Amino acid sequence: MQPLFLFRSAEFYSDQFVNGLTTGSIYALIALGYTMVYGVLQLINFAHGEVFMLGAFAGYGVLMGMGGDDLSGGAVALAIVVALIAAAIASAAVATGLERIAYRPLRRAPRLAPLISAIGASIFLSHLVDDYFLNGEQRFYPTIFPTGKVELGPVSVSYLQLFLIGASLAMMALLYWLVQRTRHGRAIRAVAESRDNAALMGIDVDRAIVLTFVLGAAMAGFAGVLYGLFFSAIRGSMGFIPGVKAFTAAVLGGIGSIPGAVIGGYFLGLTESFGRELLNEIPFVNLPNEWKDVVAFALLVLVLIFRPTGIFRQKEGKRA
C-alpha cells in the first residue's frame, strides 16, 4: 500500500499545488468567455472550446512561421508575444463570426434554439479542423521556452509554469479592469442588466454584445497559446475537454461572475491535481492520470445538485 496522503512529503504537496495552479490558470481564462457571454445573453456558448482551439493553432502558426525550434534568445520572447496577439485576434474574429451567423438571428428565439446552434457550431469547427485540415493528426508546439526552475524551499516552479500563471493573472486582471472601469465595460454591464433599457439610454446593444464575445474569445486565444506551450500537442478536437472543464469552473464560481470564473478555474485545477491522489490512497486502487477528468465532471454534477448558482451567487438581475 502507498504511504498515506497526509504523510506525503512537502515536495509532493508543493508539486501538486503548482500543477493545480497551472491547469487552473488555463481553465480560468477559458471560463471567462463562458461567464461573460452568459452574463449578457443568458447563453451557454458551447462553441467556446473551439474558439480556444483555433487560438492555439493561430499561435502555433506564428511560432512556426517565425522559426519554430530554431528560435533562440530575444527572438523567443518576441515570438511568444506575437503568438499571443495573433491568437487573441484569430479567436476574436471567429467569435465575432459565430455571434453574427449562429447567435444574432436567434436572439429573440426560445432559449433552446441558440443552444442547439452553439452545439452545431462546436461540432462543425472541430471536425473542419480535425478532419479537413489535419486529417486527424496532431501538431506540436516548438520547444523554445527556456528550461530551468525557481526553487523556494520545498516549492519548485519551472520558468514556463511561472510565466503561464503570471501571464494568466495579468490577462484576467486586465479584463476585470476593462469591464469595471472603462466606458465600453459599463456598456456591457448595462446590456447585461437590461438590453431594452440600455438601448433607450443610447447604448449600441449589438456593439456591446460583440465586444463581450471579443473579450471572452481573446482570453480563450491567450489560453490556447499557453496550453500549447505547456502541453505541446494540439489537435482539432482539443477544445472539448478543456471547454467542458472551463464551463464547470464557470458554474462552480457562479456563472455570470468574472471573479467567480477565476476562482472556480483555480479551484477546479487544484481539485483535479489532488483528487486523483486522494482516490489512490484507497486500498487496491491505482487510478491512471485520466481519472482527473472524472474528478472534474463529478464536481460539476455535485455543484449542479447542491449549489446550482455557484459560490458567487448572483442576485436576480445582476448577471455580469
C-alpha atoms as a PDB file:
ATOM      1  CA  MET A   1       0.000   0.000   0.000  1.00  0.00           C
ATOM      2  CA  GLN A   2       1.204   3.515  -0.755  1.00  0.00           C
ATOM      3  CA  PRO A   3       2.025   5.836   2.149  1.00  0.00           C
ATOM      4  CA  LEU A   4      -0.929   7.790   3.442  1.00  0.00           C
ATOM      5  CA  PHE A   5      -1.601  11.057   1.617  1.00  0.00           C
ATOM      6  CA  LEU A   6      -1.397  13.058   4.831  1.00  0.00           C
ATOM      7  CA  PHE A   7       2.171  11.837   5.357  1.00  0.00           C
ATOM      8  CA  ARG A   8       3.451  12.640   1.872  1.00  0.00           C
ATOM      9  CA  SER A   9       6.460  14.943   1.593  1.00  0.00           C
ATOM     10  CA  ALA A  10       6.283  18.731   1.404  1.00  0.00           C
ATOM     11  CA  GLU A  11       7.690  18.477  -2.130  1.00  0.00           C
ATOM     12  CA  PHE A  12       4.728  16.325  -3.142  1.00  0.00           C
ATOM     13  CA  TYR A  13       2.226  18.859  -1.826  1.00  0.00           C
ATOM     14  CA  SER A  14       4.046  21.757  -3.468  1.00  0.00           C
ATOM     15  CA  ASP A  15       4.280  19.979  -6.841  1.00  0.00           C
ATOM     16  CA  GLN A  16       0.570  19.185  -6.827  1.00  0.00           C
ATOM     17  CA  PHE A  17      -0.241  22.748  -5.799  1.00  0.00           C
ATOM     18  CA  VAL A  18       1.837  24.260  -8.618  1.00  0.00           C
ATOM     19  CA  ASN A  19       0.369  21.811 -11.151  1.00  0.00           C
ATOM     20  CA  GLY A  20      -3.132  22.732  -9.972  1.00  0.00           C
ATOM     21  CA  LEU A  21      -2.432  26.447 -10.350  1.00  0.00           C
ATOM     22  CA  THR A  22      -1.013  25.867 -13.823  1.00  0.00           C
ATOM     23  CA  THR A  23      -4.007  23.988 -15.221  1.00  0.00           C
ATOM     24  CA  GLY A  24      -6.371  26.179 -13.195  1.00  0.00           C
ATOM     25  CA  SER A  25      -4.980  29.273 -14.916  1.00  0.00           C
ATOM     26  CA  ILE A  26      -5.926  27.839 -18.312  1.00  0.00           C
ATOM     27  CA  TYR A  27      -9.398  26.824 -17.118  1.00  0.00           C
ATOM     28  CA  ALA A  28      -9.958  30.275 -15.623  1.00  0.00           C
ATOM     29  CA  LEU A  29      -9.025  32.085 -18.847  1.00  0.00           C
ATOM     30  CA  ILE A  30     -11.405  29.933 -20.895  1.00  0.00           C
ATOM     31  CA  ALA A  31     -14.160  30.176 -18.254  1.00  0.00           C
ATOM     32  CA  LEU A  32     -14.176  33.967 -18.565  1.00  0.00           C
ATOM     33  CA  GLY A  33     -15.638  33.668 -22.063  1.00  0.00           C
ATOM     34  CA  TYR A  34     -18.453  31.417 -20.848  1.00  0.00           C
ATOM     35  CA  THR A  35     -19.324  33.651 -17.921  1.00  0.00           C
ATOM     36  CA  MET A  36     -19.256  36.920 -19.900  1.00  0.00           C
ATOM     37  CA  VAL A  37     -21.489  35.663 -22.708  1.00  0.00           C
ATOM     38  CA  TYR A  38     -23.906  34.098 -20.245  1.00  0.00           C
ATOM     39  CA  GLY A  39     -23.979  37.265 -18.173  1.00  0.00           C
ATOM     40  CA  VAL A  40     -25.066  39.316 -21.193  1.00  0.00           C
ATOM     41  CA  LEU A  41     -27.144  36.903 -23.290  1.00  0.00           C
ATOM     42  CA  GLN A  42     -28.055  34.079 -20.868  1.00  0.00           C
ATOM     43  CA  LEU A  43     -26.459  31.794 -23.466  1.00  0.00           C
ATOM     44  CA  ILE A  44     -24.055  28.893 -22.907  1.00  0.00           C
ATOM     45  CA  ASN A  45     -21.622  29.285 -25.809  1.00  0.00           C
ATOM     46  CA  PHE A  46     -20.663  25.650 -26.302  1.00  0.00           C
ATOM     47  CA  ALA A  47     -18.523  26.606 -29.307  1.00  0.00           C
ATOM     48  CA  HIS A  48     -16.155  28.463 -26.965  1.00  0.00           C
ATOM     49  CA  GLY A  49     -13.900  25.411 -26.665  1.00  0.00           C
ATOM     50  CA  GLU A  50     -13.346  25.544 -30.423  1.00  0.00           C
ATOM     51  CA  VAL A  51     -12.552  29.266 -30.187  1.00  0.00           C
ATOM     52  CA  PHE A  52      -9.842  28.247 -27.706  1.00  0.00           C
ATOM     53  CA  MET A  53      -8.619  25.541 -30.112  1.00  0.00           C
ATOM     54  CA  LEU A  54      -8.370  27.925 -33.060  1.00  0.00           C
ATOM     55  CA  GLY A  55      -6.406  30.375 -30.929  1.00  0.00           C
ATOM     56  CA  ALA A  56      -3.936  27.583 -30.156  1.00  0.00           C
ATOM     57  CA  PHE A  57      -3.468  26.897 -33.871  1.00  0.00           C
ATOM     58  CA  ALA A  58      -3.074  30.579 -34.691  1.00  0.00           C
ATOM     59  CA  GLY A  59      -0.297  30.822 -32.102  1.00  0.00           C
ATOM     60  CA  TYR A  60       1.285  27.642 -33.463  1.00  0.00           C
ATOM     61  CA  GLY A  61       1.283  29.057 -36.987  1.00  0.00           C
ATOM     62  CA  VAL A  62       3.007  32.247 -35.840  1.00  0.00           C
ATOM     63  CA  LEU A  63       5.685  30.410 -33.859  1.00  0.00           C
ATOM     64  CA  MET A  64       6.444  28.045 -36.728  1.00  0.00           C
ATOM     65  CA  GLY A  65       6.467  30.909 -39.223  1.00  0.00           C
ATOM     66  CA  MET A  66       8.961  32.844 -37.107  1.00  0.00           C
ATOM     67  CA  GLY A  67      11.408  29.963 -36.894  1.00  0.00           C
ATOM     68  CA  GLY A  68       9.933  27.222 -34.718  1.00  0.00           C
ATOM     69  CA  ASP A  69      12.541  25.217 -32.830  1.00  0.00           C
ATOM     70  CA  ASP A  70      15.318  27.392 -34.284  1.00  0.00           C
ATOM     71  CA  LEU A  71      14.191  30.417 -32.255  1.00  0.00           C
ATOM     72  CA  SER A  72      16.592  31.499 -29.532  1.00  0.00           C
ATOM     73  CA  GLY A  73      17.461  34.430 -27.287  1.00  0.00           C
ATOM     74  CA  GLY A  74      15.332  37.554 -27.508  1.00  0.00           C
ATOM     75  CA  ALA A  75      13.534  36.176 -30.583  1.00  0.00           C
ATOM     76  CA  VAL A  76      11.747  33.680 -28.320  1.00  0.00           C
ATOM     77  CA  ALA A  77      10.130  36.407 -26.220  1.00  0.00           C
ATOM     78  CA  LEU A  78       9.121  38.363 -29.328  1.00  0.00           C
ATOM     79  CA  ALA A  79       7.670  35.265 -30.985  1.00  0.00           C
ATOM     80  CA  ILE A  80       5.596  34.353 -27.911  1.00  0.00           C
ATOM     81  CA  VAL A  81       4.205  37.891 -27.630  1.00  0.00           C
ATOM     82  CA  VAL A  82       3.308  37.934 -31.338  1.00  0.00           C
ATOM     83  CA  ALA A  83       1.743  34.467 -30.999  1.00  0.00           C
ATOM     84  CA  LEU A  84      -0.397  35.611 -28.077  1.00  0.00           C
ATOM     85  CA  ILE A  85      -1.601  38.667 -30.008  1.00  0.00           C
ATOM     86  CA  ALA A  86      -2.286  36.630 -33.157  1.00  0.00           C
ATOM     87  CA  ALA A  87      -4.204  34.022 -31.150  1.00  0.00           C
ATOM     88  CA  ALA A  88      -6.325  36.700 -29.485  1.00  0.00           C
ATOM     89  CA  ILE A  89      -7.122  38.291 -32.860  1.00  0.00           C
ATOM     90  CA  ALA A  90      -7.925  34.959 -34.530  1.00  0.00           C
ATOM     91  CA  SER A  91     -10.152  33.797 -31.682  1.00  0.00           C
ATOM     92  CA  ALA A  92     -11.904  37.160 -31.535  1.00  0.00           C
ATOM     93  CA  ALA A  93     -12.542  37.040 -35.300  1.00  0.00           C
ATOM     94  CA  VAL A  94     -14.035  33.540 -35.062  1.00  0.00           C
ATOM     95  CA  ALA A  95     -16.191  34.515 -32.077  1.00  0.00           C
ATOM     96  CA  THR A  96     -17.428  37.604 -33.927  1.00  0.00           C
ATOM     97  CA  GLY A  97     -18.406  35.421 -36.878  1.00  0.00           C
ATOM     98  CA  LEU A  98     -20.193  32.978 -34.588  1.00  0.00           C
ATOM     99  CA  GLU A  99     -22.131  35.795 -32.928  1.00  0.00           C
ATOM    100  CA  ARG A 100     -23.185  37.255 -36.266  1.00  0.00           C
ATOM    101  CA  ILE A 101     -24.072  33.988 -38.038  1.00  0.00           C
ATOM    102  CA  ALA A 102     -25.082  31.494 -35.348  1.00  0.00           C
ATOM    103  CA  TYR A 103     -26.434  33.579 -32.466  1.00  0.00           C
ATOM    104  CA  ARG A 104     -27.707  37.000 -33.516  1.00  0.00           C
ATOM    105  CA  PRO A 105     -30.503  35.689 -35.782  1.00  0.00           C
ATOM    106  CA  LEU A 106     -31.746  33.600 -32.834  1.00  0.00           C
ATOM    107  CA  ARG A 107     -31.520  36.295 -30.186  1.00  0.00           C
ATOM    108  CA  ARG A 108     -35.314  36.534 -29.804  1.00  0.00           C
ATOM    109  CA  ALA A 109     -35.901  32.817 -30.318  1.00  0.00           C
ATOM    110  CA  PRO A 110     -36.649  30.354 -27.498  1.00  0.00           C
ATOM    111  CA  ARG A 111     -33.541  29.699 -25.425  1.00  0.00           C
ATOM    112  CA  LEU A 112     -33.166  26.144 -26.718  1.00  0.00           C
ATOM    113  CA  ALA A 113     -32.580  27.357 -30.300  1.00  0.00           C
ATOM    114  CA  PRO A 114     -29.284  29.252 -29.741  1.00  0.00           C
ATOM    115  CA  LEU A 115     -28.087  26.410 -27.512  1.00  0.00           C
ATOM    116  CA  ILE A 116     -28.560  23.923 -30.357  1.00  0.00           C
ATOM    117  CA  SER A 117     -26.881  26.385 -32.718  1.00  0.00           C
ATOM    118  CA  ALA A 118     -23.893  26.612 -30.351  1.00  0.00           C
ATOM    119  CA  ILE A 119     -23.532  22.819 -30.215  1.00  0.00           C
ATOM    120  CA  GLY A 120     -23.758  22.632 -34.012  1.00  0.00           C
ATOM    121  CA  ALA A 121     -21.095  25.331 -34.423  1.00  0.00           C
ATOM    122  CA  SER A 122     -18.840  23.457 -31.992  1.00  0.00           C
ATOM    123  CA  ILE A 123     -19.124  20.179 -33.913  1.00  0.00           C
ATOM    124  CA  PHE A 124     -18.636  21.924 -37.263  1.00  0.00           C
ATOM    125  CA  LEU A 125     -15.464  23.778 -36.246  1.00  0.00           C
ATOM    126  CA  SER A 126     -13.942  20.750 -34.534  1.00  0.00           C
ATOM    127  CA  HIS A 127     -14.453  18.432 -37.499  1.00  0.00           C
ATOM    128  CA  LEU A 128     -13.489  21.125 -40.009  1.00  0.00           C
ATOM    129  CA  VAL A 129     -10.045  21.493 -38.454  1.00  0.00           C
ATOM    130  CA  ASP A 130      -9.506  17.882 -37.366  1.00  0.00           C
ATOM    131  CA  ASP A 131     -10.738  16.096 -40.492  1.00  0.00           C
ATOM    132  CA  TYR A 132     -10.320  18.601 -43.330  1.00  0.00           C
ATOM    133  CA  PHE A 133      -7.134  20.476 -42.445  1.00  0.00           C
ATOM    134  CA  LEU A 134      -5.250  17.996 -40.227  1.00  0.00           C
ATOM    135  CA  ASN A 135      -6.549  14.587 -41.340  1.00  0.00           C
ATOM    136  CA  GLY A 136      -6.793  13.592 -37.683  1.00  0.00           C
ATOM    137  CA  GLU A 137      -3.130  14.341 -36.970  1.00  0.00           C
ATOM    138  CA  GLN A 138      -1.645  16.330 -34.127  1.00  0.00           C
ATOM    139  CA  ARG A 139       0.644  19.336 -34.278  1.00  0.00           C
ATOM    140  CA  PHE A 140       3.351  20.042 -31.754  1.00  0.00           C
ATOM    141  CA  TYR A 141       4.389  23.430 -30.417  1.00  0.00           C
ATOM    142  CA  PRO A 142       8.116  24.138 -30.742  1.00  0.00           C
ATOM    143  CA  THR A 143      10.086  23.622 -27.537  1.00  0.00           C
ATOM    144  CA  ILE A 144      11.501  27.123 -27.237  1.00  0.00           C
ATOM    145  CA  PHE A 145      10.738  28.252 -23.708  1.00  0.00           C
ATOM    146  CA  PRO A 146      13.867  28.429 -21.502  1.00  0.00           C
ATOM    147  CA  THR A 147      14.243  25.444 -19.202  1.00  0.00           C
ATOM    148  CA  GLY A 148      15.020  25.777 -15.529  1.00  0.00           C
ATOM    149  CA  LYS A 149      13.234  26.155 -12.226  1.00  0.00           C
ATOM    150  CA  VAL A 150      12.778  28.602  -9.395  1.00  0.00           C
ATOM    151  CA  GLU A 151      13.333  26.950  -6.025  1.00  0.00           C
ATOM    152  CA  LEU A 152      11.613  28.442  -2.962  1.00  0.00           C
ATOM    153  CA  GLY A 153      12.107  25.958  -0.142  1.00  0.00           C
ATOM    154  CA  PRO A 154      10.041  22.868  -0.994  1.00  0.00           C
ATOM    155  CA  VAL A 155       8.305  24.718  -3.840  1.00  0.00           C
ATOM    156  CA  SER A 156       9.762  24.150  -7.296  1.00  0.00           C
ATOM    157  CA  VAL A 157       8.258  26.089 -10.221  1.00  0.00           C
ATOM    158  CA  SER A 158       9.522  25.848 -13.784  1.00  0.00           C
ATOM    159  CA  TYR A 159      10.053  29.037 -15.761  1.00  0.00           C
ATOM    160  CA  LEU A 160       7.222  28.003 -18.089  1.00  0.00           C
ATOM    161  CA  GLN A 161       4.789  27.420 -15.219  1.00  0.00           C
ATOM    162  CA  LEU A 162       5.768  30.738 -13.661  1.00  0.00           C
ATOM    163  CA  PHE A 163       5.187  32.514 -16.971  1.00  0.00           C
ATOM    164  CA  LEU A 164       1.858  30.743 -17.541  1.00  0.00           C
ATOM    165  CA  ILE A 165       0.477  31.566 -14.094  1.00  0.00           C
ATOM    166  CA  GLY A 166       1.765  35.140 -14.137  1.00  0.00           C
ATOM    167  CA  ALA A 167       0.565  35.867 -17.678  1.00  0.00           C
ATOM    168  CA  SER A 168      -2.885  34.414 -16.918  1.00  0.00           C
ATOM    169  CA  LEU A 169      -3.283  36.535 -13.798  1.00  0.00           C
ATOM    170  CA  ALA A 170      -2.223  39.650 -15.699  1.00  0.00           C
ATOM    171  CA  MET A 171      -4.720  38.987 -18.507  1.00  0.00           C
ATOM    172  CA  MET A 172      -7.555  38.301 -16.065  1.00  0.00           C
ATOM    173  CA  ALA A 173      -6.763  41.491 -14.139  1.00  0.00           C
ATOM    174  CA  LEU A 174      -6.767  43.446 -17.409  1.00  0.00           C
ATOM    175  CA  LEU A 175     -10.153  42.026 -18.391  1.00  0.00           C
ATOM    176  CA  TYR A 176     -11.628  42.842 -14.999  1.00  0.00           C
ATOM    177  CA  TRP A 177     -10.349  46.431 -15.299  1.00  0.00           C
ATOM    178  CA  LEU A 178     -11.789  46.771 -18.807  1.00  0.00           C
ATOM    179  CA  VAL A 179     -15.230  45.578 -17.711  1.00  0.00           C
ATOM    180  CA  GLN A 180     -15.371  47.520 -14.455  1.00  0.00           C
ATOM    181  CA  ARG A 181     -13.509  50.767 -15.213  1.00  0.00           C
ATOM    182  CA  THR A 182     -13.976  51.679 -18.867  1.00  0.00           C
ATOM    183  CA  ARG A 183     -16.831  53.162 -20.866  1.00  0.00           C
ATOM    184  CA  HIS A 184     -17.148  50.040 -23.003  1.00  0.00           C
ATOM    185  CA  GLY A 185     -17.223  47.903 -19.878  1.00  0.00           C
ATOM    186  CA  ARG A 186     -20.038  49.987 -18.448  1.00  0.00           C
ATOM    187  CA  ALA A 187     -21.948  49.487 -21.692  1.00  0.00           C
ATOM    188  CA  ILE A 188     -21.518  45.708 -21.392  1.00  0.00           C
ATOM    189  CA  ARG A 189     -22.762  45.759 -17.806  1.00  0.00           C
ATOM    190  CA  ALA A 190     -25.725  47.921 -18.764  1.00  0.00           C
ATOM    191  CA  VAL A 191     -26.728  45.499 -21.532  1.00  0.00           C
ATOM    192  CA  ALA A 192     -26.388  42.628 -19.050  1.00  0.00           C
ATOM    193  CA  GLU A 193     -28.855  44.385 -16.739  1.00  0.00           C
ATOM    194  CA  SER A 194     -31.416  45.077 -19.456  1.00  0.00           C
ATOM    195  CA  ARG A 195     -30.956  45.223 -23.207  1.00  0.00           C
ATOM    196  CA  ASP A 196     -34.091  47.296 -23.711  1.00  0.00           C
ATOM    197  CA  ASN A 197     -33.181  49.872 -21.060  1.00  0.00           C
ATOM    198  CA  ALA A 198     -29.612  50.064 -22.363  1.00  0.00           C
ATOM    199  CA  ALA A 199     -30.907  50.799 -25.870  1.00  0.00           C
ATOM    200  CA  LEU A 200     -33.155  53.572 -24.504  1.00  0.00           C
ATOM    201  CA  MET A 201     -30.066  55.118 -22.882  1.00  0.00           C
ATOM    202  CA  GLY A 202     -28.336  55.314 -26.254  1.00  0.00           C
ATOM    203  CA  ILE A 203     -26.078  52.263 -25.901  1.00  0.00           C
ATOM    204  CA  ASP A 204     -25.398  50.293 -29.077  1.00  0.00           C
ATOM    205  CA  VAL A 205     -26.561  46.891 -27.860  1.00  0.00           C
ATOM    206  CA  ASP A 206     -25.182  44.940 -30.805  1.00  0.00           C
ATOM    207  CA  ARG A 207     -21.750  46.521 -30.395  1.00  0.00           C
ATOM    208  CA  ALA A 208     -21.705  45.749 -26.670  1.00  0.00           C
ATOM    209  CA  ILE A 209     -22.629  42.119 -27.317  1.00  0.00           C
ATOM    210  CA  VAL A 210     -19.949  41.751 -29.989  1.00  0.00           C
ATOM    211  CA  LEU A 211     -17.405  43.291 -27.626  1.00  0.00           C
ATOM    212  CA  THR A 212     -18.401  40.735 -24.995  1.00  0.00           C
ATOM    213  CA  PHE A 213     -17.676  37.911 -27.425  1.00  0.00           C
ATOM    214  CA  VAL A 214     -14.401  39.548 -28.494  1.00  0.00           C
ATOM    215  CA  LEU A 215     -13.083  39.957 -24.944  1.00  0.00           C
ATOM    216  CA  GLY A 216     -14.030  36.438 -23.895  1.00  0.00           C
ATOM    217  CA  ALA A 217     -12.553  34.988 -27.097  1.00  0.00           C
ATOM    218  CA  ALA A 218      -9.307  36.920 -26.642  1.00  0.00           C
ATOM    219  CA  MET A 219      -8.882  35.302 -23.222  1.00  0.00           C
ATOM    220  CA  ALA A 220      -9.511  31.882 -24.816  1.00  0.00           C
ATOM    221  CA  GLY A 221      -6.950  32.655 -27.533  1.00  0.00           C
ATOM    222  CA  PHE A 222      -4.342  33.518 -24.912  1.00  0.00           C
ATOM    223  CA  ALA A 223      -5.205  30.270 -23.113  1.00  0.00           C
ATOM    224  CA  GLY A 224      -4.734  28.339 -26.367  1.00  0.00           C
ATOM    225  CA  VAL A 225      -1.141  29.514 -26.758  1.00  0.00           C
ATOM    226  CA  LEU A 226      -0.327  28.884 -23.090  1.00  0.00           C
ATOM    227  CA  TYR A 227      -1.857  25.404 -23.398  1.00  0.00           C
ATOM    228  CA  GLY A 228       0.272  24.678 -26.464  1.00  0.00           C
ATOM    229  CA  LEU A 229       3.458  25.880 -24.805  1.00  0.00           C
ATOM    230  CA  PHE A 230       2.790  23.756 -21.725  1.00  0.00           C
ATOM    231  CA  PHE A 231       1.247  20.545 -23.149  1.00  0.00           C
ATOM    232  CA  SER A 232       2.855  20.784 -26.614  1.00  0.00           C
ATOM    233  CA  ALA A 233       0.358  18.643 -28.587  1.00  0.00           C
ATOM    234  CA  ILE A 234      -2.674  20.315 -30.175  1.00  0.00           C
ATOM    235  CA  ARG A 235      -5.395  18.934 -32.441  1.00  0.00           C
ATOM    236  CA  GLY A 236      -8.785  19.875 -33.832  1.00  0.00           C
ATOM    237  CA  SER A 237     -10.728  18.054 -31.122  1.00  0.00           C
ATOM    238  CA  MET A 238      -8.688  19.525 -28.262  1.00  0.00           C
ATOM    239  CA  GLY A 239     -11.303  22.122 -27.324  1.00  0.00           C
ATOM    240  CA  PHE A 240     -13.949  19.782 -25.942  1.00  0.00           C
ATOM    241  CA  ILE A 241     -12.436  18.623 -22.645  1.00  0.00           C
ATOM    242  CA  PRO A 242     -10.893  21.975 -21.607  1.00  0.00           C
ATOM    243  CA  GLY A 243     -14.112  23.665 -22.727  1.00  0.00           C
ATOM    244  CA  VAL A 244     -16.324  21.475 -20.553  1.00  0.00           C
ATOM    245  CA  LYS A 245     -13.941  21.879 -17.629  1.00  0.00           C
ATOM    246  CA  ALA A 246     -13.932  25.650 -18.067  1.00  0.00           C
ATOM    247  CA  PHE A 247     -17.732  25.549 -18.114  1.00  0.00           C
ATOM    248  CA  THR A 248     -17.542  23.567 -14.873  1.00  0.00           C
ATOM    249  CA  ALA A 249     -15.301  26.289 -13.422  1.00  0.00           C
ATOM    250  CA  ALA A 250     -17.745  28.999 -14.507  1.00  0.00           C
ATOM    251  CA  VAL A 251     -20.686  27.152 -12.936  1.00  0.00           C
ATOM    252  CA  LEU A 252     -18.680  26.458  -9.799  1.00  0.00           C
ATOM    253  CA  GLY A 253     -17.814  30.127  -9.344  1.00  0.00           C
ATOM    254  CA  GLY A 254     -21.311  31.331 -10.240  1.00  0.00           C
ATOM    255  CA  ILE A 255     -21.802  31.735 -13.970  1.00  0.00           C
ATOM    256  CA  GLY A 256     -22.106  35.409 -14.825  1.00  0.00           C
ATOM    257  CA  SER A 257     -19.478  36.427 -12.252  1.00  0.00           C
ATOM    258  CA  ILE A 258     -15.977  37.265 -13.547  1.00  0.00           C
ATOM    259  CA  PRO A 259     -14.246  36.797 -10.154  1.00  0.00           C
ATOM    260  CA  GLY A 260     -16.254  33.612  -9.699  1.00  0.00           C
ATOM    261  CA  ALA A 261     -14.981  32.194 -13.008  1.00  0.00           C
ATOM    262  CA  VAL A 262     -11.379  32.899 -11.994  1.00  0.00           C
ATOM    263  CA  ILE A 263     -11.727  31.335  -8.544  1.00  0.00           C
ATOM    264  CA  GLY A 264     -13.696  28.424  -9.991  1.00  0.00           C
ATOM    265  CA  GLY A 265     -10.914  27.764 -12.507  1.00  0.00           C
ATOM    266  CA  TYR A 266      -8.231  27.624  -9.848  1.00  0.00           C
ATOM    267  CA  PHE A 267     -10.400  25.564  -7.517  1.00  0.00           C
ATOM    268  CA  LEU A 268     -11.059  23.046 -10.282  1.00  0.00           C
ATOM    269  CA  GLY A 269      -7.370  22.856 -11.192  1.00  0.00           C
ATOM    270  CA  LEU A 270      -6.371  22.199  -7.586  1.00  0.00           C
ATOM    271  CA  THR A 271      -9.202  19.683  -7.101  1.00  0.00           C
ATOM    272  CA  GLU A 272      -8.041  17.767 -10.175  1.00  0.00           C
ATOM    273  CA  SER A 273      -4.447  17.849  -9.023  1.00  0.00           C
ATOM    274  CA  PHE A 274      -5.151  16.487  -5.546  1.00  0.00           C
ATOM    275  CA  GLY A 275      -8.324  14.493  -6.226  1.00  0.00           C
ATOM    276  CA  ARG A 276      -6.795  11.537  -8.068  1.00  0.00           C
ATOM    277  CA  GLU A 277      -4.042  11.275  -5.475  1.00  0.00           C
ATOM    278  CA  LEU A 278      -6.633  11.108  -2.703  1.00  0.00           C
ATOM    279  CA  LEU A 279      -8.548   8.372  -4.529  1.00  0.00           C
ATOM    280  CA  ASN A 280      -5.332   6.412  -4.981  1.00  0.00           C
ATOM    281  CA  GLU A 281      -4.926   6.254  -1.198  1.00  0.00           C
ATOM    282  CA  ILE A 282      -7.859   3.807  -1.083  1.00  0.00           C
ATOM    283  CA  PRO A 283      -6.511   0.246  -0.733  1.00  0.00           C
ATOM    284  CA  PHE A 284      -6.204  -1.671  -4.035  1.00  0.00           C
ATOM    285  CA  VAL A 285      -6.951   1.491  -6.055  1.00  0.00           C
ATOM    286  CA  ASN A 286      -4.422   2.639  -8.640  1.00  0.00           C
ATOM    287  CA  LEU A 287      -6.071   5.115 -10.965  1.00  0.00           C
ATOM    288  CA  PRO A 288      -4.335   6.456 -14.099  1.00  0.00           C
ATOM    289  CA  ASN A 289      -3.911  10.164 -14.757  1.00  0.00           C
ATOM    290  CA  GLU A 290      -7.047  10.269 -16.934  1.00  0.00           C
ATOM    291  CA  TRP A 291      -9.142   9.957 -13.786  1.00  0.00           C
ATOM    292  CA  LYS A 292      -8.568  13.643 -13.101  1.00  0.00           C
ATOM    293  CA  ASP A 293     -11.275  14.204 -15.742  1.00  0.00           C
ATOM    294  CA  VAL A 294     -13.661  12.045 -13.688  1.00  0.00           C
ATOM    295  CA  VAL A 295     -12.922  14.239 -10.668  1.00  0.00           C
ATOM    296  CA  ALA A 296     -13.753  17.376 -12.672  1.00  0.00           C
ATOM    297  CA  PHE A 297     -17.051  16.080 -14.032  1.00  0.00           C
ATOM    298  CA  ALA A 298     -18.078  14.613 -10.681  1.00  0.00           C
ATOM    299  CA  LEU A 299     -17.503  18.064  -9.211  1.00  0.00           C
ATOM    300  CA  LEU A 300     -19.781  19.568 -11.891  1.00  0.00           C
ATOM    301  CA  VAL A 301     -22.565  17.118 -11.014  1.00  0.00           C
ATOM    302  CA  LEU A 302     -22.230  17.863  -7.289  1.00  0.00           C
ATOM    303  CA  VAL A 303     -22.295  21.621  -7.878  1.00  0.00           C
ATOM    304  CA  LEU A 304     -25.390  21.364 -10.086  1.00  0.00           C
ATOM    305  CA  ILE A 305     -27.145  19.290  -7.419  1.00  0.00           C
ATOM    306  CA  PHE A 306     -26.211  21.144  -4.244  1.00  0.00           C
ATOM    307  CA  ARG A 307     -25.208  24.654  -5.354  1.00  0.00           C
ATOM    308  CA  PRO A 308     -26.528  25.310  -8.885  1.00  0.00           C
ATOM    309  CA  THR A 309     -25.971  29.073  -8.542  1.00  0.00           C
ATOM    310  CA  GLY A 310     -22.285  28.595  -7.731  1.00  0.00           C
ATOM    311  CA  ILE A 311     -20.102  30.042  -4.992  1.00  0.00           C
ATOM    312  CA  PHE A 312     -20.652  33.661  -6.003  1.00  0.00           C
ATOM    313  CA  ARG A 313     -24.411  33.571  -6.285  1.00  0.00           C
ATOM    314  CA  GLN A 314     -25.742  36.422  -8.435  1.00  0.00           C
ATOM    315  CA  LYS A 315     -28.706  38.459  -7.295  1.00  0.00           C
ATOM    316  CA  GLU A 316     -31.673  38.475  -9.605  1.00  0.00           C
ATOM    317  CA  GLY A 317     -30.992  40.975 -12.348  1.00  0.00           C
ATOM    318  CA  LYS A 318     -27.252  41.149 -11.570  1.00  0.00           C
ATOM    319  CA  ARG A 319     -25.750  38.803 -14.082  1.00  0.00           C
ATOM    320  CA  ALA A 320     -22.491  40.429 -15.191  1.00  0.00           C
END
